[in-house]
Amino acid sequence: MKLLLWGAICFAIVMWLLRTKKVSGTPPGGSAHNSAESKHGNAEPMIRCVQCGVHIPLSEAVISRSNAAFCSEEHRLQHSAD
C-alpha cells in the first residue's frame, strides 16, 4: 500500500513539473507556433547579386543607379563595364 502511495506522489510531482515547464515555455498570449514565426519575422530579405549570383542581405547590397543589386562595389563596376 505504501508503494502505491509513493508511486502516486511521484506521478503527481512529475506531472506538475511537466505542466509548469510547458506553461513557462510558451509566451503570454501566444502559442509555440507563434513564437517560431516571430523568430523569422524580423529576418532580413536576401537579394541576388546581378554579377555573380551570390545571395546577400539587402542592407549589405550595393545598389546601382539602375536599381540593380550587387554584392560589392567591384562587381558593380565590372557589370557597368560590360
N, C-alpha and C. Protein backbone atom coordinates (compact mmCIF):
# COMPACT_ATOMS: atom_id res chain seq x y z
N MET A 1 0.82 -1.19 0.00
CA MET A 1 0.00 0.00 0.00
C MET A 1 0.87 1.26 0.00
N LYS A 2 1.96 1.22 0.81
CA LYS A 2 2.87 2.37 0.85
C LYS A 2 3.50 2.60 -0.52
N LEU A 3 3.83 1.53 -1.22
CA LEU A 3 4.44 1.63 -2.54
C LEU A 3 3.49 2.32 -3.52
N LEU A 4 2.24 1.99 -3.46
CA LEU A 4 1.23 2.62 -4.31
C LEU A 4 1.09 4.11 -4.00
N LEU A 5 1.13 4.46 -2.74
CA LEU A 5 1.05 5.86 -2.32
C LEU A 5 2.26 6.65 -2.82
N TRP A 6 3.45 6.09 -2.64
CA TRP A 6 4.66 6.78 -3.12
C TRP A 6 4.66 6.91 -4.65
N GLY A 7 4.16 5.89 -5.31
CA GLY A 7 4.05 5.95 -6.78
C GLY A 7 3.12 7.07 -7.22
N ALA A 8 2.00 7.21 -6.55
CA ALA A 8 1.04 8.27 -6.88
C ALA A 8 1.63 9.65 -6.61
N ILE A 9 2.39 9.78 -5.53
CA ILE A 9 3.02 11.06 -5.20
C ILE A 9 4.08 11.41 -6.25
N CYS A 10 4.89 10.44 -6.62
CA CYS A 10 5.91 10.68 -7.66
C CYS A 10 5.27 11.04 -8.99
N PHE A 11 4.20 10.35 -9.35
CA PHE A 11 3.49 10.64 -10.59
C PHE A 11 2.94 12.07 -10.58
N ALA A 12 2.37 12.47 -9.46
CA ALA A 12 1.82 13.82 -9.34
C ALA A 12 2.92 14.88 -9.46
N ILE A 13 4.06 14.62 -8.86
CA ILE A 13 5.18 15.59 -8.93
C ILE A 13 5.69 15.70 -10.37
N VAL A 14 5.86 14.58 -11.03
CA VAL A 14 6.34 14.60 -12.42
C VAL A 14 5.34 15.34 -13.32
N MET A 15 4.07 15.06 -13.15
CA MET A 15 3.06 15.75 -13.96
C MET A 15 3.05 17.25 -13.68
N TRP A 16 3.21 17.62 -12.42
CA TRP A 16 3.25 19.04 -12.07
C TRP A 16 4.46 19.72 -12.70
N LEU A 17 5.62 19.06 -12.66
CA LEU A 17 6.83 19.63 -13.26
C LEU A 17 6.68 19.78 -14.77
N LEU A 18 6.13 18.78 -15.43
CA LEU A 18 5.92 18.87 -16.88
C LEU A 18 4.94 19.98 -17.24
N ARG A 19 3.91 20.12 -16.44
CA ARG A 19 2.91 21.15 -16.71
C ARG A 19 3.48 22.55 -16.54
N THR A 20 4.26 22.77 -15.48
CA THR A 20 4.84 24.09 -15.26
C THR A 20 5.89 24.40 -16.32
N LYS A 21 6.63 23.40 -16.77
CA LYS A 21 7.62 23.61 -17.82
C LYS A 21 6.93 23.96 -19.13
N LYS A 22 5.84 23.28 -19.43
CA LYS A 22 5.08 23.53 -20.66
C LYS A 22 4.48 24.93 -20.65
N VAL A 23 3.95 25.35 -19.54
CA VAL A 23 3.32 26.67 -19.43
C VAL A 23 4.37 27.77 -19.54
N SER A 24 5.52 27.61 -18.89
CA SER A 24 6.55 28.65 -18.93
C SER A 24 7.25 28.70 -20.28
N GLY A 25 7.16 27.65 -21.09
CA GLY A 25 7.82 27.62 -22.39
C GLY A 25 7.09 28.42 -23.45
N THR A 26 5.83 28.72 -23.25
CA THR A 26 5.08 29.47 -24.25
C THR A 26 4.97 30.93 -23.83
N PRO A 27 5.06 31.85 -24.78
CA PRO A 27 4.93 33.27 -24.43
C PRO A 27 3.52 33.61 -24.02
N PRO A 28 3.33 34.63 -23.19
CA PRO A 28 1.98 35.01 -22.78
C PRO A 28 1.15 35.48 -23.97
N GLY A 29 -0.04 34.97 -24.08
CA GLY A 29 -0.94 35.38 -25.16
C GLY A 29 -0.64 34.73 -26.49
N GLY A 30 0.27 33.78 -26.53
CA GLY A 30 0.61 33.15 -27.80
C GLY A 30 0.84 31.67 -27.65
N SER A 31 1.03 31.03 -28.75
CA SER A 31 1.31 29.59 -28.72
C SER A 31 2.74 29.35 -29.16
N ALA A 32 3.19 28.12 -29.10
CA ALA A 32 4.54 27.79 -29.52
C ALA A 32 4.71 28.04 -31.01
N HIS A 33 3.66 27.86 -31.79
CA HIS A 33 3.72 28.10 -33.24
C HIS A 33 3.97 29.58 -33.52
N ASN A 34 3.35 30.46 -32.78
CA ASN A 34 3.55 31.89 -32.97
C ASN A 34 4.97 32.32 -32.62
N SER A 35 5.59 31.69 -31.63
CA SER A 35 6.95 32.07 -31.27
C SER A 35 7.92 31.68 -32.37
N ALA A 36 7.66 30.59 -33.08
CA ALA A 36 8.52 30.20 -34.19
C ALA A 36 8.40 31.20 -35.32
N GLU A 37 7.21 31.72 -35.55
CA GLU A 37 7.03 32.72 -36.59
C GLU A 37 7.72 34.02 -36.23
N SER A 38 7.72 34.39 -34.97
CA SER A 38 8.34 35.64 -34.57
C SER A 38 9.85 35.59 -34.70
N LYS A 39 10.44 34.42 -34.59
CA LYS A 39 11.89 34.30 -34.79
C LYS A 39 12.27 34.66 -36.21
N HIS A 40 11.42 34.30 -37.16
CA HIS A 40 11.71 34.59 -38.55
C HIS A 40 11.04 35.87 -39.03
N GLY A 41 10.23 36.48 -38.20
CA GLY A 41 9.52 37.68 -38.59
C GLY A 41 10.45 38.87 -38.78
N ASN A 42 11.58 38.90 -38.09
CA ASN A 42 12.50 40.01 -38.23
C ASN A 42 13.67 39.65 -39.14
N ALA A 43 13.54 38.61 -39.94
CA ALA A 43 14.60 38.21 -40.86
C ALA A 43 14.71 39.23 -41.99
N GLU A 44 15.93 39.50 -42.38
CA GLU A 44 16.18 40.49 -43.43
C GLU A 44 16.04 39.83 -44.80
N PRO A 45 15.45 40.52 -45.77
CA PRO A 45 15.31 39.95 -47.11
C PRO A 45 16.69 39.76 -47.76
N MET A 46 16.81 38.68 -48.50
CA MET A 46 18.04 38.38 -49.22
C MET A 46 17.82 38.70 -50.70
N ILE A 47 18.84 39.26 -51.33
CA ILE A 47 18.75 39.56 -52.76
C ILE A 47 19.96 38.96 -53.46
N ARG A 48 19.85 38.79 -54.76
CA ARG A 48 20.88 38.12 -55.56
C ARG A 48 21.73 39.15 -56.29
N CYS A 49 23.04 38.95 -56.23
CA CYS A 49 23.97 39.81 -56.96
C CYS A 49 23.78 39.57 -58.46
N VAL A 50 23.65 40.65 -59.22
CA VAL A 50 23.44 40.54 -60.66
C VAL A 50 24.68 39.97 -61.34
N GLN A 51 25.85 40.26 -60.84
CA GLN A 51 27.10 39.85 -61.47
C GLN A 51 27.44 38.38 -61.21
N CYS A 52 27.45 37.95 -59.94
CA CYS A 52 27.92 36.59 -59.61
C CYS A 52 26.82 35.66 -59.13
N GLY A 53 25.67 36.16 -58.73
CA GLY A 53 24.56 35.32 -58.31
C GLY A 53 24.54 34.98 -56.82
N VAL A 54 25.47 35.51 -56.06
CA VAL A 54 25.50 35.24 -54.62
C VAL A 54 24.35 35.99 -53.94
N HIS A 55 23.71 35.32 -52.97
CA HIS A 55 22.63 35.96 -52.21
C HIS A 55 23.23 36.67 -51.00
N ILE A 56 22.83 37.92 -50.81
CA ILE A 56 23.33 38.76 -49.72
C ILE A 56 22.16 39.47 -49.05
N PRO A 57 22.33 39.88 -47.78
CA PRO A 57 21.28 40.66 -47.13
C PRO A 57 21.10 42.01 -47.83
N LEU A 58 19.90 42.49 -47.86
CA LEU A 58 19.59 43.74 -48.53
C LEU A 58 20.40 44.91 -47.98
N SER A 59 20.65 44.92 -46.68
CA SER A 59 21.39 46.02 -46.06
C SER A 59 22.86 46.04 -46.48
N GLU A 60 23.41 44.92 -46.92
CA GLU A 60 24.81 44.86 -47.33
C GLU A 60 24.99 45.00 -48.83
N ALA A 61 23.91 45.10 -49.58
CA ALA A 61 23.99 45.17 -51.04
C ALA A 61 24.43 46.55 -51.50
N VAL A 62 25.11 46.56 -52.64
CA VAL A 62 25.47 47.80 -53.31
C VAL A 62 24.47 47.96 -54.44
N ILE A 63 23.69 49.02 -54.39
CA ILE A 63 22.63 49.25 -55.38
C ILE A 63 23.10 50.26 -56.40
N SER A 64 22.94 49.93 -57.69
CA SER A 64 23.36 50.83 -58.76
C SER A 64 22.26 51.84 -59.07
N ARG A 65 22.56 52.76 -59.95
CA ARG A 65 21.56 53.78 -60.35
C ARG A 65 20.38 53.14 -61.07
N SER A 66 20.64 52.03 -61.74
CA SER A 66 19.55 51.34 -62.45
C SER A 66 18.78 50.39 -61.54
N ASN A 67 19.04 50.50 -60.23
CA ASN A 67 18.36 49.71 -59.20
C ASN A 67 18.72 48.23 -59.23
N ALA A 68 19.90 47.90 -59.77
CA ALA A 68 20.40 46.53 -59.75
C ALA A 68 21.22 46.34 -58.47
N ALA A 69 21.18 45.13 -57.91
CA ALA A 69 21.87 44.85 -56.65
C ALA A 69 23.15 44.06 -56.91
N PHE A 70 24.20 44.42 -56.17
CA PHE A 70 25.49 43.76 -56.28
C PHE A 70 26.02 43.45 -54.89
N CYS A 71 26.91 42.44 -54.81
CA CYS A 71 27.47 42.06 -53.53
C CYS A 71 28.65 42.94 -53.14
N SER A 72 29.24 43.64 -54.10
CA SER A 72 30.37 44.52 -53.80
C SER A 72 30.45 45.63 -54.84
N GLU A 73 31.21 46.65 -54.50
CA GLU A 73 31.44 47.76 -55.42
C GLU A 73 32.19 47.27 -56.66
N GLU A 74 33.10 46.33 -56.48
CA GLU A 74 33.85 45.77 -57.60
C GLU A 74 32.94 45.12 -58.62
N HIS A 75 31.96 44.36 -58.17
CA HIS A 75 31.03 43.73 -59.09
C HIS A 75 30.13 44.75 -59.77
N ARG A 76 29.79 45.82 -59.07
CA ARG A 76 29.00 46.88 -59.71
C ARG A 76 29.79 47.50 -60.85
N LEU A 77 31.08 47.77 -60.61
CA LEU A 77 31.92 48.35 -61.64
C LEU A 77 32.15 47.38 -62.81
N GLN A 78 32.35 46.10 -62.53
CA GLN A 78 32.52 45.11 -63.59
C GLN A 78 31.28 45.01 -64.46
N HIS A 79 30.12 45.07 -63.83
CA HIS A 79 28.86 44.94 -64.57
C HIS A 79 28.63 46.18 -65.45
N SER A 80 28.98 47.36 -64.93
CA SER A 80 28.76 48.57 -65.73
C SER A 80 29.77 48.67 -66.87
N ALA A 81 30.91 47.96 -66.76
CA ALA A 81 31.92 47.98 -67.81
C ALA A 81 31.51 47.08 -68.98
N ASP A 82 30.64 46.11 -68.72
CA ASP A 82 30.21 45.16 -69.79
C ASP A 82 29.34 45.81 -70.81
